[in-house]
């Protein structure tokens, strides 16, 4: 069940007013998430030019909007991009465009970023159905207000109603404890191809009668 089909009053009750994004929200989503990740250790390594990161996020987010699992709070103050169980971040046709797009954006560095994307793919668990948190970010003008973790907490409350597990990659170690506070467990890690930046993989088991399912 898509998480947007659950009680829409829950977000307001939690203090976070969130709504499901549509295609018309693409520009606002891209602006917020590109700014949110402009100083991220991993993604600023992949795309040193913020303009290139903006183009890449537009490509990824536009594809994710085919699922009703992209959430916005405030006037694009924070956003979360989820991929549902059995879903894919990119379509098969879009996957075929990745190499050429990266070549256009970052030239000779494309091979290193492709290697990084392959590490994301290899680390991704496949054993159990789950919702995948592809992106979570807060616009820099709204940092420090708890909006990002508040939006994530609300998303997770909705997942708990449908007994849905969740998986994410933390590309900034500063966020690991925040995710752990919401029930995620560290299950693995990998680095950028040069070994300088680490990505933590994190799992939150489905919750049934208040008991978290075991990590796969």
N, C-alpha and C. Protein backbone atom coordinates (compact mmCIF):
# COMPACT_ATOMS: atom_id res chain seq x y z
N UNK A 1 0.85 -1.20 0.00
CA UNK A 1 0.00 0.00 0.00
C UNK A 1 0.88 1.24 0.00
N UNK A 2 0.67 2.18 -0.93
CA UNK A 2 1.44 3.42 -0.90
C UNK A 2 1.20 4.15 0.40
N UNK A 3 2.24 4.76 0.97
CA UNK A 3 2.08 5.40 2.27
C UNK A 3 1.19 6.62 2.19
N UNK A 4 0.98 7.19 0.99
CA UNK A 4 0.10 8.34 0.90
C UNK A 4 -1.36 7.98 1.05
N UNK A 5 -1.70 6.68 1.00
CA UNK A 5 -3.08 6.26 1.11
C UNK A 5 -3.56 6.19 2.56
N UNK A 6 -2.66 6.41 3.51
CA UNK A 6 -3.03 6.32 4.91
C UNK A 6 -3.65 7.62 5.38
N UNK A 7 -4.07 7.65 6.63
CA UNK A 7 -4.75 8.80 7.21
C UNK A 7 -3.98 10.09 7.02
N UNK A 8 -4.49 11.01 6.23
CA UNK A 8 -3.79 12.24 5.92
C UNK A 8 -3.71 13.18 7.10
N UNK A 9 -4.49 12.94 8.17
CA UNK A 9 -4.44 13.82 9.33
C UNK A 9 -3.25 13.55 10.22
N UNK A 10 -2.58 12.42 10.01
CA UNK A 10 -1.48 12.03 10.90
C UNK A 10 -0.32 13.01 10.83
N UNK A 11 -0.04 13.53 9.63
CA UNK A 11 1.08 14.45 9.50
C UNK A 11 0.83 15.71 10.31
N UNK A 12 -0.37 16.27 10.21
CA UNK A 12 -0.67 17.48 10.95
C UNK A 12 -0.65 17.22 12.44
N UNK A 13 -1.14 16.04 12.86
CA UNK A 13 -1.17 15.71 14.27
C UNK A 13 0.23 15.59 14.85
N UNK A 14 1.20 15.21 14.02
CA UNK A 14 2.57 15.06 14.50
C UNK A 14 3.31 16.38 14.53
N UNK A 15 2.68 17.44 14.06
CA UNK A 15 3.33 18.74 14.01
C UNK A 15 4.02 19.00 12.69
N UNK A 16 4.01 18.04 11.80
CA UNK A 16 4.59 18.18 10.47
C UNK A 16 3.47 18.14 9.44
N UNK A 17 3.31 19.21 8.73
CA UNK A 17 2.31 19.25 7.67
C UNK A 17 2.99 18.85 6.37
N UNK A 18 2.72 17.64 5.93
CA UNK A 18 3.38 17.11 4.74
C UNK A 18 2.35 16.75 3.69
N UNK A 19 2.78 16.80 2.45
CA UNK A 19 1.89 16.40 1.36
C UNK A 19 2.69 15.62 0.33
N UNK A 20 1.98 14.86 -0.47
CA UNK A 20 2.62 14.09 -1.53
C UNK A 20 2.88 15.01 -2.72
N UNK A 21 4.08 14.93 -3.27
CA UNK A 21 4.46 15.77 -4.40
C UNK A 21 3.87 15.24 -5.70
N UNK A 22 3.70 16.14 -6.64
CA UNK A 22 3.27 15.79 -7.99
C UNK A 22 4.31 16.31 -8.98
N UNK A 23 4.11 16.04 -10.25
CA UNK A 23 5.06 16.47 -11.27
C UNK A 23 5.26 17.99 -11.26
N UNK A 24 4.23 18.73 -10.87
CA UNK A 24 4.33 20.19 -10.85
C UNK A 24 5.28 20.69 -9.76
N UNK A 25 5.68 19.82 -8.85
CA UNK A 25 6.59 20.20 -7.76
C UNK A 25 8.05 19.97 -8.10
N UNK A 26 8.33 19.50 -9.30
CA UNK A 26 9.70 19.10 -9.63
C UNK A 26 10.71 20.21 -9.40
N UNK A 27 10.44 21.41 -9.86
CA UNK A 27 11.41 22.50 -9.72
C UNK A 27 11.71 22.79 -8.25
N UNK A 28 10.67 22.86 -7.43
CA UNK A 28 10.87 23.13 -6.01
C UNK A 28 11.64 22.02 -5.32
N UNK A 29 11.34 20.79 -5.66
CA UNK A 29 12.05 19.65 -5.08
C UNK A 29 13.52 19.68 -5.46
N UNK A 30 13.79 19.91 -6.72
CA UNK A 30 15.18 19.92 -7.19
C UNK A 30 15.96 21.03 -6.51
N UNK A 31 15.37 22.21 -6.39
CA UNK A 31 16.06 23.32 -5.76
C UNK A 31 16.41 22.99 -4.31
N UNK A 32 15.43 22.48 -3.55
CA UNK A 32 15.68 22.15 -2.15
C UNK A 32 16.73 21.07 -1.99
N UNK A 33 16.60 19.98 -2.73
CA UNK A 33 17.50 18.85 -2.53
C UNK A 33 18.90 19.13 -3.09
N UNK A 34 19.00 19.88 -4.16
CA UNK A 34 20.32 20.24 -4.66
C UNK A 34 21.05 21.12 -3.66
N UNK A 35 20.34 22.08 -3.07
CA UNK A 35 20.96 22.94 -2.06
C UNK A 35 21.30 22.14 -0.80
N UNK A 36 20.42 21.21 -0.43
CA UNK A 36 20.64 20.42 0.77
C UNK A 36 21.90 19.57 0.67
N UNK A 37 22.19 19.06 -0.53
CA UNK A 37 23.34 18.16 -0.72
C UNK A 37 24.57 18.85 -1.28
N UNK A 38 24.54 20.17 -1.40
CA UNK A 38 25.67 20.87 -2.01
C UNK A 38 26.96 20.73 -1.20
N UNK A 39 26.82 20.52 0.13
CA UNK A 39 28.00 20.33 0.97
C UNK A 39 28.10 18.92 1.54
N UNK A 40 27.34 18.00 0.97
CA UNK A 40 27.39 16.61 1.42
C UNK A 40 28.74 16.00 1.06
N UNK A 41 29.38 15.27 1.98
CA UNK A 41 30.72 14.73 1.69
C UNK A 41 30.79 13.86 0.45
N UNK A 42 29.81 13.01 0.25
CA UNK A 42 29.84 12.08 -0.88
C UNK A 42 29.38 12.74 -2.17
N UNK A 43 28.26 13.44 -2.12
CA UNK A 43 27.71 13.98 -3.37
C UNK A 43 28.45 15.21 -3.85
N UNK A 44 29.09 15.95 -2.97
CA UNK A 44 29.94 17.05 -3.45
C UNK A 44 31.24 16.49 -4.03
N UNK A 45 31.65 15.30 -3.57
CA UNK A 45 32.78 14.61 -4.19
C UNK A 45 32.40 14.18 -5.61
N UNK A 46 31.20 13.63 -5.76
CA UNK A 46 30.76 13.14 -7.06
C UNK A 46 30.54 14.28 -8.05
N UNK A 47 29.97 15.37 -7.56
CA UNK A 47 29.65 16.51 -8.41
C UNK A 47 30.18 17.79 -7.77
N UNK A 48 31.44 18.11 -7.97
CA UNK A 48 32.02 19.31 -7.35
C UNK A 48 31.31 20.60 -7.77
N UNK A 49 30.77 20.62 -8.97
CA UNK A 49 30.02 21.78 -9.45
C UNK A 49 28.56 21.61 -9.04
N UNK A 50 28.02 22.48 -8.18
CA UNK A 50 26.62 22.35 -7.73
C UNK A 50 25.62 22.33 -8.88
N UNK A 51 25.98 22.98 -9.99
CA UNK A 51 25.08 22.97 -11.14
C UNK A 51 24.92 21.58 -11.72
N UNK A 52 26.01 20.79 -11.71
CA UNK A 52 25.94 19.42 -12.21
C UNK A 52 25.09 18.55 -11.29
N UNK A 53 25.24 18.77 -9.98
CA UNK A 53 24.43 18.02 -9.02
C UNK A 53 22.95 18.34 -9.21
N UNK A 54 22.64 19.58 -9.50
CA UNK A 54 21.25 19.97 -9.73
C UNK A 54 20.67 19.22 -10.92
N UNK A 55 21.43 19.10 -11.99
CA UNK A 55 20.96 18.38 -13.17
C UNK A 55 20.78 16.90 -12.84
N UNK A 56 21.71 16.33 -12.08
CA UNK A 56 21.61 14.91 -11.72
C UNK A 56 20.38 14.66 -10.85
N UNK A 57 20.17 15.51 -9.84
CA UNK A 57 19.01 15.32 -8.97
C UNK A 57 17.70 15.49 -9.74
N UNK A 58 17.67 16.40 -10.72
CA UNK A 58 16.46 16.54 -11.54
C UNK A 58 16.15 15.23 -12.26
N UNK A 59 17.18 14.62 -12.79
CA UNK A 59 17.04 13.34 -13.49
C UNK A 59 16.47 12.27 -12.55
N UNK A 60 17.04 12.18 -11.35
CA UNK A 60 16.62 11.15 -10.38
C UNK A 60 15.23 11.43 -9.83
N UNK A 61 14.98 12.68 -9.44
CA UNK A 61 13.70 13.02 -8.81
C UNK A 61 12.55 12.94 -9.80
N UNK A 62 12.78 13.37 -11.04
CA UNK A 62 11.72 13.29 -12.05
C UNK A 62 11.27 11.85 -12.23
N UNK A 63 12.19 10.92 -12.16
CA UNK A 63 11.82 9.51 -12.28
C UNK A 63 11.05 9.03 -11.06
N UNK A 64 11.51 9.44 -9.87
CA UNK A 64 10.85 9.00 -8.63
C UNK A 64 9.41 9.49 -8.53
N UNK A 65 9.11 10.59 -9.17
CA UNK A 65 7.75 11.15 -9.09
C UNK A 65 6.71 10.27 -9.76
N UNK A 66 7.12 9.22 -10.45
CA UNK A 66 6.13 8.29 -11.00
C UNK A 66 5.48 7.46 -9.90
N UNK A 67 6.07 7.49 -8.71
CA UNK A 67 5.48 6.85 -7.53
C UNK A 67 4.91 7.93 -6.62
N UNK A 68 3.79 7.66 -5.94
CA UNK A 68 3.23 8.65 -5.01
C UNK A 68 3.90 8.57 -3.64
N UNK A 69 5.24 8.61 -3.63
CA UNK A 69 5.99 8.41 -2.40
C UNK A 69 7.01 9.53 -2.16
N UNK A 70 6.81 10.66 -2.82
CA UNK A 70 7.69 11.81 -2.64
C UNK A 70 6.94 12.83 -1.80
N UNK A 71 7.56 13.26 -0.70
CA UNK A 71 6.87 14.09 0.28
C UNK A 71 7.53 15.45 0.44
N UNK A 72 6.70 16.46 0.69
CA UNK A 72 7.17 17.83 0.90
C UNK A 72 6.55 18.36 2.19
N UNK A 73 7.34 19.11 2.95
CA UNK A 73 6.79 19.82 4.09
C UNK A 73 7.10 21.31 3.93
N UNK A 74 6.14 22.13 4.28
CA UNK A 74 6.30 23.57 4.13
C UNK A 74 6.39 23.95 2.66
N UNK A 75 6.92 25.12 2.42
CA UNK A 75 7.11 25.60 1.06
C UNK A 75 8.44 25.07 0.54
N UNK A 76 8.50 23.73 0.36
CA UNK A 76 9.71 23.02 -0.04
C UNK A 76 10.83 23.19 0.99
N UNK A 77 10.43 23.33 2.26
CA UNK A 77 11.44 23.46 3.32
C UNK A 77 12.21 22.15 3.49
N UNK A 78 11.51 21.03 3.37
CA UNK A 78 12.14 19.71 3.47
C UNK A 78 11.42 18.77 2.52
N UNK A 79 12.13 17.75 2.09
CA UNK A 79 11.55 16.79 1.16
C UNK A 79 12.15 15.41 1.38
N UNK A 80 11.34 14.40 1.14
CA UNK A 80 11.81 13.02 1.20
C UNK A 80 11.35 12.30 -0.07
N UNK A 81 12.23 11.49 -0.60
CA UNK A 81 11.96 10.75 -1.83
C UNK A 81 12.08 9.26 -1.52
N UNK A 82 10.97 8.56 -1.61
CA UNK A 82 10.92 7.14 -1.31
C UNK A 82 10.66 6.33 -2.58
N UNK A 83 11.22 5.15 -2.62
CA UNK A 83 10.90 4.18 -3.68
C UNK A 83 10.20 3.01 -2.98
N UNK A 84 9.00 2.63 -3.45
CA UNK A 84 8.24 1.58 -2.76
C UNK A 84 8.81 0.19 -3.00
N UNK A 85 8.37 -0.79 -2.21
CA UNK A 85 8.81 -2.17 -2.42
C UNK A 85 8.58 -2.58 -3.87
N UNK A 86 9.56 -3.27 -4.44
CA UNK A 86 9.53 -3.74 -5.83
C UNK A 86 9.68 -2.61 -6.84
N UNK A 87 9.82 -1.35 -6.38
CA UNK A 87 10.04 -0.25 -7.28
C UNK A 87 11.50 -0.09 -7.64
N UNK A 88 11.78 0.76 -8.61
CA UNK A 88 13.15 1.03 -9.05
C UNK A 88 13.37 2.54 -9.09
N UNK A 89 14.58 2.97 -8.72
CA UNK A 89 14.89 4.40 -8.76
C UNK A 89 14.75 4.96 -10.16
N UNK A 90 15.27 4.24 -11.13
CA UNK A 90 15.20 4.67 -12.52
C UNK A 90 14.56 3.58 -13.37
N UNK A 91 13.91 3.97 -14.44
CA UNK A 91 13.36 2.99 -15.36
C UNK A 91 14.51 2.37 -16.16
N UNK A 92 14.23 1.30 -16.85
CA UNK A 92 15.26 0.65 -17.66
C UNK A 92 15.78 1.61 -18.73
N UNK A 93 14.90 2.38 -19.32
CA UNK A 93 15.31 3.35 -20.32
C UNK A 93 16.21 4.42 -19.73
N UNK A 94 15.86 4.89 -18.52
CA UNK A 94 16.68 5.91 -17.86
C UNK A 94 18.04 5.36 -17.47
N UNK A 95 18.08 4.10 -17.02
CA UNK A 95 19.36 3.49 -16.70
C UNK A 95 20.30 3.53 -17.90
N UNK A 96 19.74 3.36 -19.09
CA UNK A 96 20.55 3.39 -20.29
C UNK A 96 21.11 4.76 -20.61
N UNK A 97 20.59 5.80 -19.97
CA UNK A 97 21.05 7.17 -20.22
C UNK A 97 22.09 7.64 -19.21
N UNK A 98 22.31 6.88 -18.14
CA UNK A 98 23.16 7.33 -17.05
C UNK A 98 24.58 7.61 -17.51
N UNK A 99 25.18 6.69 -18.23
CA UNK A 99 26.58 6.85 -18.62
C UNK A 99 26.77 8.10 -19.49
N UNK A 100 25.89 8.29 -20.46
CA UNK A 100 26.05 9.46 -21.34
C UNK A 100 25.79 10.76 -20.59
N UNK A 101 24.81 10.76 -19.68
CA UNK A 101 24.52 11.97 -18.91
C UNK A 101 25.72 12.35 -18.04
N UNK A 102 26.29 11.36 -17.36
CA UNK A 102 27.44 11.65 -16.51
C UNK A 102 28.63 12.12 -17.35
N UNK A 103 28.79 11.55 -18.52
CA UNK A 103 29.87 11.98 -19.40
C UNK A 103 29.72 13.44 -19.78
N UNK A 104 28.48 13.85 -20.04
CA UNK A 104 28.22 15.24 -20.39
C UNK A 104 28.50 16.17 -19.21
N UNK A 105 28.17 15.70 -18.00
CA UNK A 105 28.29 16.56 -16.83
C UNK A 105 29.71 16.65 -16.29
N UNK A 106 30.39 15.52 -16.17
CA UNK A 106 31.66 15.51 -15.45
C UNK A 106 32.81 14.90 -16.24
N UNK A 107 32.59 14.62 -17.51
CA UNK A 107 33.67 14.19 -18.38
C UNK A 107 34.40 12.95 -17.91
N UNK A 108 35.73 13.07 -17.79
CA UNK A 108 36.56 11.91 -17.46
C UNK A 108 36.29 11.34 -16.07
N UNK A 109 35.64 12.12 -15.20
CA UNK A 109 35.33 11.64 -13.86
C UNK A 109 34.10 10.72 -13.84
N UNK A 110 33.43 10.61 -14.98
CA UNK A 110 32.21 9.81 -15.03
C UNK A 110 32.44 8.37 -14.59
N UNK A 111 33.59 7.80 -14.97
CA UNK A 111 33.84 6.39 -14.62
C UNK A 111 33.90 6.20 -13.11
N UNK A 112 34.46 7.18 -12.39
CA UNK A 112 34.54 7.08 -10.93
C UNK A 112 33.15 7.17 -10.31
N UNK A 113 32.31 8.05 -10.83
CA UNK A 113 30.97 8.19 -10.28
C UNK A 113 30.11 6.98 -10.63
N UNK A 114 30.30 6.42 -11.80
CA UNK A 114 29.60 5.18 -12.15
C UNK A 114 30.00 4.07 -11.18
N UNK A 115 31.29 4.01 -10.85
CA UNK A 115 31.75 3.02 -9.87
C UNK A 115 31.07 3.25 -8.52
N UNK A 116 30.92 4.52 -8.13
CA UNK A 116 30.23 4.82 -6.88
C UNK A 116 28.78 4.36 -6.93
N UNK A 117 28.09 4.64 -8.02
CA UNK A 117 26.69 4.21 -8.15
C UNK A 117 26.57 2.70 -8.11
N UNK A 118 27.54 2.00 -8.66
CA UNK A 118 27.54 0.54 -8.60
C UNK A 118 27.69 0.05 -7.17
N UNK A 119 28.45 0.79 -6.35
CA UNK A 119 28.60 0.42 -4.94
C UNK A 119 27.28 0.61 -4.18
N UNK A 120 26.57 1.68 -4.51
CA UNK A 120 25.23 1.85 -3.93
C UNK A 120 24.35 0.66 -4.28
N UNK A 121 24.38 0.26 -5.54
CA UNK A 121 23.53 -0.83 -6.01
C UNK A 121 23.92 -2.16 -5.36
N UNK A 122 25.21 -2.42 -5.26
CA UNK A 122 25.67 -3.69 -4.67
C UNK A 122 25.30 -3.79 -3.20
N UNK A 123 25.36 -2.68 -2.48
CA UNK A 123 25.06 -2.69 -1.04
C UNK A 123 23.57 -2.80 -0.75
N UNK A 124 22.74 -2.49 -1.72
CA UNK A 124 21.29 -2.43 -1.47
C UNK A 124 20.74 -3.83 -1.18
N UNK A 125 20.03 -4.00 -0.05
CA UNK A 125 19.49 -5.33 0.29
C UNK A 125 18.35 -5.72 -0.65
N UNK A 126 18.30 -6.99 -0.98
CA UNK A 126 17.25 -7.49 -1.88
C UNK A 126 16.43 -8.61 -1.27
N UNK A 127 16.83 -9.04 -0.05
CA UNK A 127 16.22 -10.24 0.52
C UNK A 127 14.78 -10.02 0.96
N UNK A 128 14.46 -8.81 1.42
CA UNK A 128 13.13 -8.57 1.98
C UNK A 128 12.53 -7.30 1.38
N UNK A 129 11.21 -7.28 1.15
CA UNK A 129 10.57 -6.07 0.63
C UNK A 129 10.76 -4.90 1.61
N UNK A 130 10.94 -3.71 1.07
CA UNK A 130 11.13 -2.54 1.93
C UNK A 130 10.92 -1.26 1.13
N UNK A 131 10.69 -0.18 1.85
CA UNK A 131 10.66 1.15 1.27
C UNK A 131 12.08 1.71 1.33
N UNK A 132 12.51 2.31 0.23
CA UNK A 132 13.87 2.82 0.13
C UNK A 132 13.85 4.34 0.17
N UNK A 133 14.51 4.91 1.18
CA UNK A 133 14.63 6.36 1.28
C UNK A 133 15.78 6.81 0.38
N UNK A 134 15.46 7.20 -0.82
CA UNK A 134 16.46 7.60 -1.79
C UNK A 134 17.09 8.94 -1.43
N UNK A 135 16.27 9.90 -1.00
CA UNK A 135 16.76 11.24 -0.67
C UNK A 135 15.96 11.83 0.48
N UNK A 136 16.63 12.53 1.35
CA UNK A 136 16.00 13.31 2.41
C UNK A 136 16.84 14.55 2.59
N UNK A 137 16.22 15.71 2.48
CA UNK A 137 17.00 16.93 2.62
C UNK A 137 16.18 18.10 3.09
N UNK A 138 16.88 19.08 3.66
CA UNK A 138 16.27 20.31 4.15
C UNK A 138 16.92 21.49 3.43
N UNK A 139 16.12 22.41 2.98
CA UNK A 139 16.66 23.62 2.36
C UNK A 139 17.54 24.35 3.38
N UNK A 140 18.71 24.83 2.99
CA UNK A 140 19.61 25.49 3.94
C UNK A 140 18.96 26.61 4.74
N UNK A 141 17.99 27.29 4.17
CA UNK A 141 17.31 28.37 4.90
C UNK A 141 16.46 27.87 6.06
N UNK A 142 16.23 26.55 6.11
CA UNK A 142 15.35 25.99 7.15
C UNK A 142 16.05 24.96 8.02
N UNK A 143 17.36 24.90 7.97
CA UNK A 143 18.09 23.96 8.81
C UNK A 143 17.99 24.35 10.28
N UNK A 144 18.13 23.36 11.14
CA UNK A 144 18.12 23.61 12.58
C UNK A 144 16.74 23.67 13.19
N UNK A 145 15.70 23.36 12.41
CA UNK A 145 14.33 23.41 12.93
C UNK A 145 13.74 22.01 13.15
N UNK A 146 14.53 21.00 12.86
CA UNK A 146 14.05 19.63 13.04
C UNK A 146 13.11 19.16 11.95
N UNK A 147 13.06 19.88 10.83
CA UNK A 147 12.10 19.54 9.78
C UNK A 147 12.44 18.24 9.06
N UNK A 148 13.72 18.00 8.82
CA UNK A 148 14.10 16.79 8.11
C UNK A 148 13.77 15.53 8.89
N UNK A 149 14.18 15.49 10.15
CA UNK A 149 13.90 14.31 10.97
C UNK A 149 12.41 14.24 11.31
N UNK A 150 11.77 15.40 11.41
CA UNK A 150 10.32 15.39 11.64
C UNK A 150 9.57 14.79 10.48
N UNK A 151 9.98 15.15 9.26
CA UNK A 151 9.34 14.57 8.08
C UNK A 151 9.61 13.08 8.00
N UNK A 152 10.85 12.69 8.28
CA UNK A 152 11.18 11.27 8.25
C UNK A 152 10.38 10.51 9.30
N UNK A 153 10.27 11.06 10.50
CA UNK A 153 9.50 10.40 11.56
C UNK A 153 8.05 10.20 11.13
N UNK A 154 7.49 11.19 10.48
CA UNK A 154 6.11 11.06 10.01
C UNK A 154 6.00 10.00 8.92
N UNK A 155 6.94 9.99 8.00
CA UNK A 155 6.95 8.93 6.99
C UNK A 155 7.02 7.55 7.62
N UNK A 156 7.87 7.41 8.64
CA UNK A 156 8.03 6.11 9.29
C UNK A 156 6.77 5.70 10.04
N UNK A 157 6.06 6.65 10.63
CA UNK A 157 4.80 6.32 11.29
C UNK A 157 3.81 5.73 10.29
N UNK A 158 3.81 6.27 9.11
CA UNK A 158 2.94 5.75 8.07
C UNK A 158 3.38 4.35 7.63
N UNK A 159 4.67 4.15 7.53
CA UNK A 159 5.17 2.82 7.18
C UNK A 159 4.79 1.79 8.25
N UNK A 160 4.83 2.21 9.50
CA UNK A 160 4.50 1.28 10.58
C UNK A 160 3.06 0.78 10.47
N UNK A 161 2.17 1.62 9.98
CA UNK A 161 0.77 1.21 9.83
C UNK A 161 0.64 0.08 8.81
N UNK A 162 1.46 0.11 7.77
CA UNK A 162 1.41 -0.95 6.75
C UNK A 162 2.49 -2.00 6.99
N UNK A 163 3.15 -1.93 8.17
CA UNK A 163 4.18 -2.89 8.55
C UNK A 163 5.30 -2.92 7.51
N UNK A 164 5.77 -1.73 7.13
CA UNK A 164 6.80 -1.63 6.10
C UNK A 164 8.18 -1.41 6.65
N UNK A 165 9.14 -2.18 6.19
CA UNK A 165 10.54 -1.98 6.53
C UNK A 165 11.10 -0.83 5.71
N UNK A 166 12.23 -0.27 6.14
CA UNK A 166 12.83 0.86 5.44
C UNK A 166 14.35 0.71 5.38
N UNK A 167 14.92 1.24 4.31
CA UNK A 167 16.37 1.18 4.10
C UNK A 167 16.84 2.54 3.60
N UNK A 168 18.03 2.95 4.02
CA UNK A 168 18.62 4.19 3.52
C UNK A 168 20.13 4.07 3.53
N UNK A 169 20.77 5.00 2.79
CA UNK A 169 22.21 5.16 2.85
C UNK A 169 22.49 6.55 3.44
N UNK A 170 23.33 6.60 4.43
CA UNK A 170 23.72 7.87 5.04
C UNK A 170 25.06 8.30 4.46
N UNK A 171 25.02 9.36 3.66
CA UNK A 171 26.25 9.84 3.02
C UNK A 171 26.97 10.89 3.84
N UNK A 172 26.44 11.21 5.01
CA UNK A 172 27.07 12.17 5.92
C UNK A 172 27.07 11.60 7.33
N UNK A 173 28.22 11.26 7.89
CA UNK A 173 28.27 10.65 9.22
C UNK A 173 27.57 11.48 10.30
N UNK A 174 27.44 12.78 10.09
CA UNK A 174 26.77 13.64 11.07
C UNK A 174 25.32 13.27 11.26
N UNK A 175 24.75 12.57 10.28
CA UNK A 175 23.33 12.21 10.36
C UNK A 175 23.08 10.82 10.93
N UNK A 176 24.12 10.01 11.10
CA UNK A 176 23.92 8.62 11.50
C UNK A 176 23.14 8.50 12.81
N UNK A 177 23.52 9.28 13.81
CA UNK A 177 22.84 9.17 15.11
C UNK A 177 21.39 9.61 15.02
N UNK A 178 21.10 10.56 14.14
CA UNK A 178 19.72 10.99 13.98
C UNK A 178 18.87 9.86 13.42
N UNK A 179 19.42 9.13 12.46
CA UNK A 179 18.69 8.00 11.90
C UNK A 179 18.54 6.88 12.95
N UNK A 180 19.58 6.66 13.71
CA UNK A 180 19.51 5.63 14.75
C UNK A 180 18.44 5.97 15.78
N UNK A 181 18.26 7.25 16.09
CA UNK A 181 17.24 7.67 17.05
C UNK A 181 15.82 7.35 16.55
N UNK A 182 15.68 7.16 15.26
CA UNK A 182 14.38 6.82 14.68
C UNK A 182 14.25 5.33 14.38
N UNK A 183 15.20 4.55 14.88
CA UNK A 183 15.06 3.10 14.78
C UNK A 183 15.90 2.42 13.72
N UNK A 184 16.69 3.16 12.98
CA UNK A 184 17.55 2.54 11.97
C UNK A 184 18.78 1.93 12.62
N UNK A 185 19.26 0.83 12.05
CA UNK A 185 20.46 0.17 12.52
C UNK A 185 21.51 0.17 11.41
N UNK A 186 22.75 0.37 11.80
CA UNK A 186 23.86 0.32 10.86
C UNK A 186 24.08 -1.13 10.45
N UNK A 187 23.98 -1.42 9.14
CA UNK A 187 24.14 -2.81 8.68
C UNK A 187 25.33 -2.99 7.73
N UNK A 188 25.98 -1.92 7.33
CA UNK A 188 27.11 -2.06 6.42
C UNK A 188 27.66 -0.71 6.02
N UNK A 189 28.63 -0.72 5.15
CA UNK A 189 29.21 0.54 4.67
C UNK A 189 30.01 0.29 3.40
N UNK A 190 30.27 1.37 2.70
CA UNK A 190 31.18 1.34 1.55
C UNK A 190 31.75 2.75 1.41
N UNK A 191 32.71 2.92 0.52
CA UNK A 191 33.35 4.22 0.37
C UNK A 191 33.27 4.68 -1.09
N UNK A 192 33.59 5.96 -1.28
CA UNK A 192 33.80 6.44 -2.62
C UNK A 192 35.01 5.72 -3.19
N UNK A 193 35.14 5.63 -4.52
CA UNK A 193 36.24 4.85 -5.11
C UNK A 193 37.63 5.24 -4.63
N UNK A 194 37.81 6.49 -4.21
CA UNK A 194 39.13 6.89 -3.71
C UNK A 194 39.32 6.57 -2.24
N UNK A 195 38.30 6.01 -1.59
CA UNK A 195 38.39 5.61 -0.19
C UNK A 195 38.28 6.74 0.80
N UNK A 196 38.01 7.95 0.36
CA UNK A 196 38.04 9.10 1.26
C UNK A 196 36.72 9.38 1.98
N UNK A 197 35.62 8.95 1.41
CA UNK A 197 34.32 9.26 2.00
C UNK A 197 33.51 7.99 2.17
N UNK A 198 32.92 7.82 3.36
CA UNK A 198 32.19 6.60 3.67
C UNK A 198 30.68 6.82 3.59
N UNK A 199 29.99 5.76 3.20
CA UNK A 199 28.53 5.73 3.18
C UNK A 199 28.08 4.61 4.10
N UNK A 200 27.22 4.92 5.06
CA UNK A 200 26.68 3.90 5.97
C UNK A 200 25.34 3.41 5.42
N UNK A 201 25.15 2.10 5.40
CA UNK A 201 23.87 1.54 5.01
C UNK A 201 23.08 1.22 6.27
N UNK A 202 21.79 1.57 6.28
CA UNK A 202 21.00 1.49 7.50
C UNK A 202 19.63 0.88 7.21
N UNK A 203 19.16 0.06 8.15
CA UNK A 203 17.91 -0.69 7.99
C UNK A 203 17.03 -0.47 9.21
N UNK A 204 15.76 -0.30 8.96
CA UNK A 204 14.76 -0.23 10.04
C UNK A 204 13.72 -1.30 9.75
N UNK A 205 13.66 -2.31 10.61
CA UNK A 205 12.77 -3.42 10.38
C UNK A 205 11.31 -3.02 10.46
N UNK A 206 10.47 -3.79 9.77
CA UNK A 206 9.04 -3.59 9.87
C UNK A 206 8.60 -3.75 11.31
N UNK A 207 7.63 -2.96 11.72
CA UNK A 207 7.18 -2.97 13.10
C UNK A 207 5.79 -3.60 13.16
N UNK A 208 5.67 -4.63 13.97
CA UNK A 208 4.39 -5.30 14.15
C UNK A 208 4.18 -5.47 15.65
N UNK A 209 3.11 -4.89 16.16
CA UNK A 209 2.82 -4.94 17.60
C UNK A 209 3.98 -4.39 18.41
N UNK A 210 4.64 -3.37 17.85
CA UNK A 210 5.71 -2.70 18.57
C UNK A 210 7.04 -3.40 18.59
N UNK A 211 7.19 -4.48 17.78
CA UNK A 211 8.45 -5.21 17.78
C UNK A 211 9.10 -5.09 16.42
N UNK A 212 10.34 -4.62 16.37
CA UNK A 212 11.04 -4.48 15.12
C UNK A 212 11.47 -5.85 14.58
N UNK A 213 11.30 -6.02 13.29
CA UNK A 213 11.74 -7.26 12.66
C UNK A 213 13.27 -7.28 12.62
N UNK A 214 13.87 -8.45 12.57
CA UNK A 214 15.32 -8.53 12.58
C UNK A 214 15.94 -7.94 11.32
N UNK A 215 17.16 -7.46 11.46
CA UNK A 215 17.91 -6.97 10.32
C UNK A 215 18.18 -8.13 9.37
N UNK A 216 18.00 -7.91 8.05
CA UNK A 216 18.22 -9.04 7.12
C UNK A 216 19.70 -9.39 7.02
